[in-house]
C-alpha atoms as a PDB file:
ATOM      1  CA  UNK A   1       0.000   0.000   0.000  1.00  0.00           C
ATOM      2  CA  UNK A   2       1.405   3.386  -0.998  1.00  0.00           C
ATOM      3  CA  UNK A   3       1.844   6.000   1.705  1.00  0.00           C
ATOM      4  CA  UNK A   4      -0.396   9.047   1.447  1.00  0.00           C
ATOM      5  CA  UNK A   5       1.763  12.178   1.083  1.00  0.00           C
ATOM      6  CA  UNK A   6       1.616  14.742   3.872  1.00  0.00           C
ATOM      7  CA  UNK A   7       1.545  18.162   2.201  1.00  0.00           C
ATOM      8  CA  UNK A   8       3.110  21.208   3.824  1.00  0.00           C
ATOM      9  CA  UNK A   9       2.290  24.718   2.651  1.00  0.00           C
ATOM     10  CA  UNK A  10       5.070  27.217   2.019  1.00  0.00           C
ATOM     11  CA  UNK A  11       5.700  29.645   4.875  1.00  0.00           C
ATOM     12  CA  UNK A  12       5.303  32.445   2.310  1.00  0.00           C
ATOM     13  CA  UNK A  13       1.705  31.307   1.719  1.00  0.00           C
ATOM     14  CA  UNK A  14       0.364  31.697   5.243  1.00  0.00           C
ATOM     15  CA  UNK A  15      -1.949  34.597   4.400  1.00  0.00           C
ATOM     16  CA  UNK A  16      -5.476  33.317   3.774  1.00  0.00           C
ATOM     17  CA  UNK A  17      -5.845  35.876   0.985  1.00  0.00           C
ATOM     18  CA  UNK A  18      -2.930  34.319  -0.933  1.00  0.00           C
ATOM     19  CA  UNK A  19      -4.645  32.154  -3.565  1.00  0.00           C
ATOM     20  CA  UNK A  20      -1.471  30.631  -4.999  1.00  0.00           C
ATOM     21  CA  UNK A  21       0.305  28.420  -2.510  1.00  0.00           C
ATOM     22  CA  UNK A  22       3.200  26.089  -3.118  1.00  0.00           C
ATOM     23  CA  UNK A  23       2.932  22.813  -1.242  1.00  0.00           C
ATOM     24  CA  UNK A  24       5.624  20.165  -0.783  1.00  0.00           C
ATOM     25  CA  UNK A  25       5.541  16.557   0.386  1.00  0.00           C
ATOM     26  CA  UNK A  26       8.584  14.422   1.104  1.00  0.00           C
ATOM     27  CA  UNK A  27       8.661  10.830  -0.052  1.00  0.00           C
ATOM     28  CA  UNK A  28      11.332   8.184  -0.019  1.00  0.00           C
ATOM     29  CA  UNK A  29      14.197   9.831  -1.955  1.00  0.00           C
ATOM     30  CA  UNK A  30      11.810  12.174  -3.795  1.00  0.00           C
ATOM     31  CA  UNK A  31       9.980  15.436  -3.251  1.00  0.00           C
ATOM     32  CA  UNK A  32       6.557  16.272  -4.591  1.00  0.00           C
ATOM     33  CA  UNK A  33       5.549  19.832  -5.420  1.00  0.00           C
ATOM     34  CA  UNK A  34       2.109  21.154  -6.280  1.00  0.00           C
ATOM     35  CA  UNK A  35       0.223  24.411  -6.510  1.00  0.00           C
ATOM     36  CA  UNK A  36      -2.751  24.493  -4.141  1.00  0.00           C
ATOM     37  CA  UNK A  37      -5.243  25.455  -6.836  1.00  0.00           C
ATOM     38  CA  UNK A  38      -4.207  22.450  -8.977  1.00  0.00           C
ATOM     39  CA  UNK A  39      -3.650  19.644  -6.431  1.00  0.00           C
ATOM     40  CA  UNK A  40      -3.915  16.937  -9.077  1.00  0.00           C
ATOM     41  CA  UNK A  41      -0.865  18.221 -10.951  1.00  0.00           C
ATOM     42  CA  UNK A  42       2.200  17.084  -9.021  1.00  0.00           C
ATOM     43  CA  UNK A  43       5.843  17.553  -9.973  1.00  0.00           C
ATOM     44  CA  UNK A  44       8.242  14.905  -8.686  1.00  0.00           C
ATOM     45  CA  UNK A  45      11.881  15.829  -8.117  1.00  0.00           C
ATOM     46  CA  UNK A  46      14.890  14.997  -5.969  1.00  0.00           C
ATOM     47  CA  UNK A  47      16.315  17.193  -3.211  1.00  0.00           C
ATOM     48  CA  UNK A  48      19.263  17.963  -5.524  1.00  0.00           C
ATOM     49  CA  UNK A  49      16.899  18.892  -8.365  1.00  0.00           C
ATOM     50  CA  UNK A  50      14.905  21.250  -6.165  1.00  0.00           C
ATOM     51  CA  UNK A  51      18.111  22.843  -4.849  1.00  0.00           C
ATOM     52  CA  UNK A  52      19.298  23.414  -8.442  1.00  0.00           C
ATOM     53  CA  UNK A  53      15.969  25.044  -9.339  1.00  0.00           C
ATOM     54  CA  UNK A  54      16.127  27.368  -6.325  1.00  0.00           C
ATOM     55  CA  UNK A  55      19.726  28.346  -7.147  1.00  0.00           C
ATOM     56  CA  UNK A  56      18.732  29.101 -10.735  1.00  0.00           C
ATOM     57  CA  UNK A  57      15.759  31.217  -9.644  1.00  0.00           C
ATOM     58  CA  UNK A  58      17.895  33.183  -7.209  1.00  0.00           C
ATOM     59  CA  UNK A  59      20.736  33.763  -9.669  1.00  0.00           C
ATOM     60  CA  UNK A  60      21.160  37.401 -10.754  1.00  0.00           C
ATOM     61  CA  UNK A  61      19.986  38.130 -14.279  1.00  0.00           C
ATOM     62  CA  UNK A  62      21.972  40.601 -16.314  1.00  0.00           C
END
């Protein structure tokens, strides 16, 4: 039987008026990401993949 993911909302999405919330669930060796308004669309990644995405998003753009 597959474990049911436990979703955690981003700390930046605590305001009830914020309609777009990123949620994350940790699995065995994988992470799942979804947007709260589209809970059926889940992106699977690794911790290293998520770290690379965050680094790329934070990188200065010239």
